[in-house]
Amino acid sequence: MSMTFLFLGGGVGTMLRFAVVSAVREMWHPEHFPLGTLAVNVAGCLAIGALWQALAGPWAIREELRVALIVGLLGGFTTFSSFGLETIQMWSREHYARAILYVVLSNGLGIAAVFLGMRLVPGAGDSGT
């Protein structure tokens, strides 16, 4: 049953991400800055922080529902929220160097991987995104 909830949460999160990014593009027409993606990432981080706290304490729910919300819904909405949560968890356990390394490696390697991936596909050109 938890895999079904995970699947449904991921689908809903993905649709929400598309809706938010599309709405931001229509409202503000950000041509040279990914404002929609930034909005999704920040909103996802806010949501995962709030849900994590709420579901670990005052509003504890069944594990499969927690997974559907945290991993499915917010994972579909943005994986940046998971990155933010994991970083804060390391920091709160006083693994400061590990948290900083995770931030640096995730951002640096992620950007480098996007660049490499774009170069590995011949003729793709600049997508303008």
N, C-alpha and C. Protein backbone atom coordinates (compact mmCIF):
# COMPACT_ATOMS: atom_id res chain seq x y z
N MET A 1 0.82 -1.20 0.00
CA MET A 1 0.00 0.00 0.00
C MET A 1 0.86 1.26 0.00
N SER A 2 2.03 1.22 0.69
CA SER A 2 2.87 2.42 0.75
C SER A 2 3.41 2.80 -0.63
N MET A 3 3.67 1.82 -1.49
CA MET A 3 4.15 2.13 -2.84
C MET A 3 3.06 2.84 -3.65
N THR A 4 1.82 2.48 -3.44
CA THR A 4 0.71 3.14 -4.12
C THR A 4 0.61 4.60 -3.66
N PHE A 5 0.69 4.81 -2.35
CA PHE A 5 0.66 6.17 -1.82
C PHE A 5 1.84 6.99 -2.33
N LEU A 6 3.02 6.36 -2.38
CA LEU A 6 4.22 7.01 -2.87
C LEU A 6 4.04 7.43 -4.33
N PHE A 7 3.52 6.52 -5.13
CA PHE A 7 3.27 6.79 -6.55
C PHE A 7 2.28 7.94 -6.73
N LEU A 8 1.19 7.88 -6.00
CA LEU A 8 0.18 8.94 -6.11
C LEU A 8 0.72 10.29 -5.64
N GLY A 9 1.45 10.29 -4.53
CA GLY A 9 2.03 11.52 -4.03
C GLY A 9 3.01 12.13 -5.03
N GLY A 10 3.84 11.28 -5.63
CA GLY A 10 4.80 11.76 -6.63
C GLY A 10 4.11 12.36 -7.84
N GLY A 11 3.04 11.73 -8.28
CA GLY A 11 2.29 12.26 -9.43
C GLY A 11 1.66 13.61 -9.12
N VAL A 12 1.07 13.72 -7.95
CA VAL A 12 0.45 14.98 -7.56
C VAL A 12 1.51 16.07 -7.41
N GLY A 13 2.64 15.73 -6.79
CA GLY A 13 3.73 16.70 -6.63
C GLY A 13 4.26 17.20 -7.96
N THR A 14 4.40 16.30 -8.91
CA THR A 14 4.88 16.68 -10.24
C THR A 14 3.90 17.61 -10.93
N MET A 15 2.63 17.31 -10.83
CA MET A 15 1.61 18.18 -11.45
C MET A 15 1.60 19.56 -10.77
N LEU A 16 1.76 19.59 -9.45
CA LEU A 16 1.82 20.86 -8.74
C LEU A 16 3.03 21.68 -9.17
N ARG A 17 4.17 21.01 -9.33
CA ARG A 17 5.37 21.72 -9.77
C ARG A 17 5.14 22.36 -11.13
N PHE A 18 4.58 21.61 -12.06
CA PHE A 18 4.29 22.13 -13.39
C PHE A 18 3.34 23.32 -13.32
N ALA A 19 2.32 23.21 -12.49
CA ALA A 19 1.33 24.29 -12.36
C ALA A 19 1.96 25.56 -11.79
N VAL A 20 2.79 25.41 -10.75
CA VAL A 20 3.42 26.58 -10.13
C VAL A 20 4.39 27.24 -11.10
N VAL A 21 5.25 26.46 -11.73
CA VAL A 21 6.22 27.02 -12.67
C VAL A 21 5.50 27.72 -13.82
N SER A 22 4.45 27.11 -14.34
CA SER A 22 3.68 27.72 -15.43
C SER A 22 3.01 29.02 -14.98
N ALA A 23 2.44 29.03 -13.79
CA ALA A 23 1.76 30.22 -13.29
C ALA A 23 2.75 31.37 -13.08
N VAL A 24 3.92 31.06 -12.55
CA VAL A 24 4.93 32.10 -12.34
C VAL A 24 5.39 32.67 -13.69
N ARG A 25 5.58 31.81 -14.67
CA ARG A 25 5.97 32.29 -16.00
C ARG A 25 4.92 33.21 -16.59
N GLU A 26 3.67 32.86 -16.41
CA GLU A 26 2.58 33.68 -16.96
C GLU A 26 2.45 35.02 -16.25
N MET A 27 2.62 35.01 -14.93
CA MET A 27 2.42 36.24 -14.16
C MET A 27 3.57 37.21 -14.28
N TRP A 28 4.82 36.71 -14.24
CA TRP A 28 5.96 37.63 -14.17
C TRP A 28 6.86 37.58 -15.40
N HIS A 29 6.67 36.65 -16.29
CA HIS A 29 7.48 36.53 -17.51
C HIS A 29 8.99 36.63 -17.25
N PRO A 30 9.52 35.82 -16.33
CA PRO A 30 10.96 35.90 -16.06
C PRO A 30 11.74 35.22 -17.19
N GLU A 31 12.28 36.02 -18.09
CA GLU A 31 12.94 35.47 -19.27
C GLU A 31 14.37 35.00 -19.01
N HIS A 32 15.04 35.62 -18.05
CA HIS A 32 16.45 35.32 -17.85
C HIS A 32 16.76 34.78 -16.46
N PHE A 33 15.74 34.38 -15.74
CA PHE A 33 15.95 33.84 -14.41
C PHE A 33 14.86 32.81 -14.12
N PRO A 34 15.23 31.61 -13.64
CA PRO A 34 14.24 30.56 -13.39
C PRO A 34 13.43 30.81 -12.11
N LEU A 35 12.64 31.86 -12.13
CA LEU A 35 11.87 32.25 -10.95
C LEU A 35 10.88 31.17 -10.53
N GLY A 36 10.27 30.49 -11.49
CA GLY A 36 9.33 29.42 -11.16
C GLY A 36 10.00 28.28 -10.41
N THR A 37 11.17 27.86 -10.89
CA THR A 37 11.90 26.79 -10.22
C THR A 37 12.35 27.24 -8.84
N LEU A 38 12.80 28.48 -8.73
CA LEU A 38 13.19 29.01 -7.42
C LEU A 38 12.00 28.99 -6.46
N ALA A 39 10.84 29.41 -6.95
CA ALA A 39 9.63 29.41 -6.12
C ALA A 39 9.28 28.00 -5.65
N VAL A 40 9.36 27.04 -6.55
CA VAL A 40 9.06 25.65 -6.22
C VAL A 40 10.06 25.12 -5.19
N ASN A 41 11.35 25.40 -5.39
CA ASN A 41 12.36 24.91 -4.46
C ASN A 41 12.20 25.50 -3.07
N VAL A 42 11.95 26.79 -2.99
CA VAL A 42 11.78 27.42 -1.68
C VAL A 42 10.49 26.93 -1.01
N ALA A 43 9.41 26.86 -1.77
CA ALA A 43 8.14 26.36 -1.22
C ALA A 43 8.28 24.91 -0.76
N GLY A 44 8.97 24.10 -1.54
CA GLY A 44 9.19 22.70 -1.16
C GLY A 44 10.00 22.57 0.11
N CYS A 45 11.02 23.42 0.25
CA CYS A 45 11.84 23.40 1.46
C CYS A 45 11.02 23.84 2.68
N LEU A 46 10.21 24.87 2.51
CA LEU A 46 9.34 25.31 3.60
C LEU A 46 8.37 24.20 3.99
N ALA A 47 7.78 23.56 2.99
CA ALA A 47 6.81 22.49 3.25
C ALA A 47 7.45 21.28 3.92
N ILE A 48 8.63 20.88 3.46
CA ILE A 48 9.24 19.68 4.06
C ILE A 48 9.67 19.95 5.50
N GLY A 49 10.13 21.16 5.77
CA GLY A 49 10.49 21.50 7.15
C GLY A 49 9.29 21.47 8.07
N ALA A 50 8.20 22.08 7.61
CA ALA A 50 6.98 22.13 8.42
C ALA A 50 6.37 20.75 8.60
N LEU A 51 6.28 19.99 7.51
CA LEU A 51 5.69 18.64 7.60
C LEU A 51 6.54 17.72 8.47
N TRP A 52 7.85 17.79 8.30
CA TRP A 52 8.73 16.93 9.09
C TRP A 52 8.51 17.17 10.58
N GLN A 53 8.46 18.43 10.96
CA GLN A 53 8.24 18.75 12.37
C GLN A 53 6.85 18.32 12.84
N ALA A 54 5.85 18.64 12.05
CA ALA A 54 4.47 18.33 12.44
C ALA A 54 4.23 16.82 12.52
N LEU A 55 4.75 16.07 11.55
CA LEU A 55 4.48 14.64 11.50
C LEU A 55 5.35 13.85 12.47
N ALA A 56 6.43 14.46 12.95
CA ALA A 56 7.27 13.80 13.95
C ALA A 56 6.74 14.05 15.36
N GLY A 57 5.82 14.99 15.49
CA GLY A 57 5.35 15.34 16.82
C GLY A 57 3.85 15.39 16.92
N PRO A 58 3.30 16.59 16.86
CA PRO A 58 1.90 16.77 17.20
C PRO A 58 0.91 16.06 16.26
N TRP A 59 1.26 15.85 15.01
CA TRP A 59 0.33 15.22 14.07
C TRP A 59 0.91 13.95 13.47
N ALA A 60 1.37 13.07 14.33
CA ALA A 60 1.94 11.81 13.86
C ALA A 60 0.90 11.02 13.06
N ILE A 61 1.32 10.49 11.91
CA ILE A 61 0.43 9.71 11.06
C ILE A 61 1.12 8.40 10.70
N ARG A 62 0.39 7.53 10.04
CA ARG A 62 0.96 6.24 9.64
C ARG A 62 2.17 6.47 8.73
N GLU A 63 3.12 5.55 8.83
CA GLU A 63 4.38 5.67 8.08
C GLU A 63 4.16 5.79 6.58
N GLU A 64 3.26 5.00 6.01
CA GLU A 64 3.07 5.06 4.56
C GLU A 64 2.49 6.40 4.10
N LEU A 65 1.70 7.03 4.95
CA LEU A 65 1.18 8.36 4.61
C LEU A 65 2.27 9.42 4.73
N ARG A 66 3.13 9.27 5.74
CA ARG A 66 4.25 10.19 5.90
C ARG A 66 5.18 10.09 4.69
N VAL A 67 5.47 8.87 4.26
CA VAL A 67 6.32 8.66 3.09
C VAL A 67 5.67 9.25 1.84
N ALA A 68 4.36 9.06 1.71
CA ALA A 68 3.65 9.61 0.54
C ALA A 68 3.75 11.13 0.50
N LEU A 69 3.67 11.78 1.65
CA LEU A 69 3.76 13.24 1.69
C LEU A 69 5.19 13.75 1.54
N ILE A 70 6.10 13.19 2.32
CA ILE A 70 7.48 13.69 2.34
C ILE A 70 8.24 13.26 1.08
N VAL A 71 8.27 11.98 0.80
CA VAL A 71 9.05 11.47 -0.33
C VAL A 71 8.28 11.60 -1.64
N GLY A 72 7.00 11.23 -1.62
CA GLY A 72 6.21 11.26 -2.85
C GLY A 72 5.83 12.66 -3.29
N LEU A 73 4.96 13.29 -2.52
CA LEU A 73 4.44 14.61 -2.89
C LEU A 73 5.56 15.64 -3.03
N LEU A 74 6.36 15.79 -1.97
CA LEU A 74 7.42 16.81 -2.02
C LEU A 74 8.59 16.38 -2.89
N GLY A 75 8.83 15.08 -2.99
CA GLY A 75 9.86 14.59 -3.91
C GLY A 75 9.47 14.83 -5.36
N GLY A 76 8.18 14.69 -5.65
CA GLY A 76 7.68 15.01 -6.99
C GLY A 76 7.66 16.51 -7.23
N PHE A 77 7.38 17.25 -6.18
CA PHE A 77 7.33 18.71 -6.29
C PHE A 77 8.73 19.27 -6.48
N THR A 78 9.68 18.80 -5.67
CA THR A 78 11.07 19.22 -5.79
C THR A 78 11.97 18.34 -4.94
N THR A 79 13.03 17.80 -5.53
CA THR A 79 13.97 17.04 -4.72
C THR A 79 14.86 17.98 -3.90
N PHE A 80 14.82 19.25 -4.21
CA PHE A 80 15.60 20.22 -3.44
C PHE A 80 15.13 20.25 -1.99
N SER A 81 13.86 19.95 -1.76
CA SER A 81 13.36 19.93 -0.39
C SER A 81 14.03 18.82 0.41
N SER A 82 14.25 17.66 -0.19
CA SER A 82 14.95 16.57 0.49
C SER A 82 16.39 16.97 0.80
N PHE A 83 17.03 17.60 -0.17
CA PHE A 83 18.39 18.11 0.02
C PHE A 83 18.45 19.07 1.21
N GLY A 84 17.50 19.99 1.28
CA GLY A 84 17.45 20.94 2.38
C GLY A 84 17.27 20.26 3.72
N LEU A 85 16.36 19.30 3.78
CA LEU A 85 16.11 18.58 5.03
C LEU A 85 17.35 17.80 5.47
N GLU A 86 17.96 17.09 4.54
CA GLU A 86 19.14 16.29 4.88
C GLU A 86 20.28 17.19 5.38
N THR A 87 20.44 18.34 4.76
CA THR A 87 21.48 19.27 5.20
C THR A 87 21.22 19.76 6.62
N ILE A 88 19.98 20.14 6.90
CA ILE A 88 19.63 20.62 8.25
C ILE A 88 19.78 19.50 9.28
N GLN A 89 19.42 18.28 8.91
CA GLN A 89 19.58 17.16 9.84
C GLN A 89 21.05 16.94 10.20
N MET A 90 21.93 17.00 9.19
CA MET A 90 23.36 16.85 9.49
C MET A 90 23.84 18.00 10.37
N TRP A 91 23.42 19.20 10.05
CA TRP A 91 23.84 20.38 10.82
C TRP A 91 23.36 20.28 12.27
N SER A 92 22.11 19.86 12.45
CA SER A 92 21.55 19.78 13.81
C SER A 92 22.21 18.68 14.64
N ARG A 93 22.80 17.71 13.99
CA ARG A 93 23.56 16.66 14.69
C ARG A 93 25.03 17.07 14.87
N GLU A 94 25.31 18.34 14.55
CA GLU A 94 26.63 18.93 14.68
C GLU A 94 27.67 18.31 13.76
N HIS A 95 27.21 17.80 12.62
CA HIS A 95 28.11 17.32 11.57
C HIS A 95 28.31 18.47 10.58
N TYR A 96 28.91 19.54 11.06
CA TYR A 96 29.02 20.77 10.29
C TYR A 96 29.81 20.59 9.00
N ALA A 97 30.96 19.96 9.10
CA ALA A 97 31.81 19.77 7.91
C ALA A 97 31.09 18.91 6.87
N ARG A 98 30.40 17.88 7.34
CA ARG A 98 29.67 17.00 6.43
C ARG A 98 28.53 17.76 5.75
N ALA A 99 27.84 18.60 6.50
CA ALA A 99 26.73 19.38 5.92
C ALA A 99 27.26 20.37 4.88
N ILE A 100 28.35 21.05 5.19
CA ILE A 100 28.94 21.99 4.24
C ILE A 100 29.43 21.27 3.00
N LEU A 101 30.09 20.13 3.19
CA LEU A 101 30.56 19.34 2.06
C LEU A 101 29.40 18.91 1.18
N TYR A 102 28.31 18.49 1.81
CA TYR A 102 27.11 18.06 1.07
C TYR A 102 26.56 19.21 0.22
N VAL A 103 26.50 20.41 0.78
CA VAL A 103 26.01 21.57 0.04
C VAL A 103 26.92 21.88 -1.15
N VAL A 104 28.22 21.91 -0.88
CA VAL A 104 29.18 22.24 -1.93
C VAL A 104 29.17 21.17 -3.03
N LEU A 105 29.23 19.89 -2.63
CA LEU A 105 29.24 18.83 -3.62
C LEU A 105 27.94 18.74 -4.40
N SER A 106 26.81 18.85 -3.71
CA SER A 106 25.51 18.76 -4.39
C SER A 106 25.36 19.85 -5.43
N ASN A 107 25.71 21.07 -5.06
CA ASN A 107 25.58 22.18 -6.01
C ASN A 107 26.63 22.12 -7.10
N GLY A 108 27.89 21.95 -6.70
CA GLY A 108 28.97 21.92 -7.68
C GLY A 108 28.87 20.76 -8.65
N LEU A 109 28.69 19.55 -8.11
CA LEU A 109 28.59 18.37 -8.97
C LEU A 109 27.29 18.37 -9.78
N GLY A 110 26.21 18.88 -9.16
CA GLY A 110 24.94 18.95 -9.89
C GLY A 110 25.04 19.85 -11.10
N ILE A 111 25.62 21.02 -10.92
CA ILE A 111 25.77 21.96 -12.04
C ILE A 111 26.73 21.39 -13.07
N ALA A 112 27.83 20.79 -12.61
CA ALA A 112 28.78 20.18 -13.53
C ALA A 112 28.13 19.03 -14.31
N ALA A 113 27.29 18.25 -13.63
CA ALA A 113 26.62 17.13 -14.31
C ALA A 113 25.63 17.63 -15.36
N VAL A 114 24.93 18.71 -15.08
CA VAL A 114 24.03 19.29 -16.09
C VAL A 114 24.84 19.72 -17.30
N PHE A 115 25.95 20.40 -17.06
CA PHE A 115 26.82 20.87 -18.14
C PHE A 115 27.33 19.67 -18.95
N LEU A 116 27.84 18.63 -18.26
CA LEU A 116 28.35 17.45 -18.93
C LEU A 116 27.24 16.74 -19.72
N GLY A 117 26.08 16.61 -19.09
CA GLY A 117 24.96 15.96 -19.78
C GLY A 117 24.59 16.69 -21.05
N MET A 118 24.61 18.01 -21.02
CA MET A 118 24.30 18.80 -22.21
C MET A 118 25.35 18.60 -23.29
N ARG A 119 26.60 18.42 -22.89
CA ARG A 119 27.68 18.23 -23.85
C ARG A 119 27.70 16.82 -24.42
N LEU A 120 27.15 15.86 -23.68
CA LEU A 120 27.15 14.47 -24.15
C LEU A 120 26.13 14.21 -25.25
N VAL A 121 25.17 15.08 -25.37
CA VAL A 121 24.13 14.90 -26.39
C VAL A 121 24.46 15.80 -27.58
N PRO A 122 24.93 15.21 -28.67
CA PRO A 122 25.32 16.03 -29.83
C PRO A 122 24.14 16.73 -30.47
N GLY A 123 24.39 17.97 -30.86
CA GLY A 123 23.37 18.72 -31.59
C GLY A 123 22.24 19.25 -30.75
N ALA A 124 22.30 19.09 -29.45
CA ALA A 124 21.20 19.54 -28.60
C ALA A 124 21.13 21.06 -28.55
N GLY A 125 22.28 21.72 -28.59
CA GLY A 125 22.30 23.18 -28.54
C GLY A 125 21.87 23.72 -27.21
N ASP A 126 21.64 25.01 -27.16
CA ASP A 126 21.20 25.68 -25.93
C ASP A 126 19.68 25.68 -25.91
N SER A 127 19.11 25.03 -24.90
CA SER A 127 17.66 24.93 -24.82
C SER A 127 17.01 26.24 -24.37
N GLY A 128 17.80 27.16 -23.85
CA GLY A 128 17.26 28.44 -23.40
C GLY A 128 16.54 28.40 -22.08
N THR A 129 16.60 27.27 -21.37
CA THR A 129 15.92 27.16 -20.08
C THR A 129 16.82 27.50 -18.95
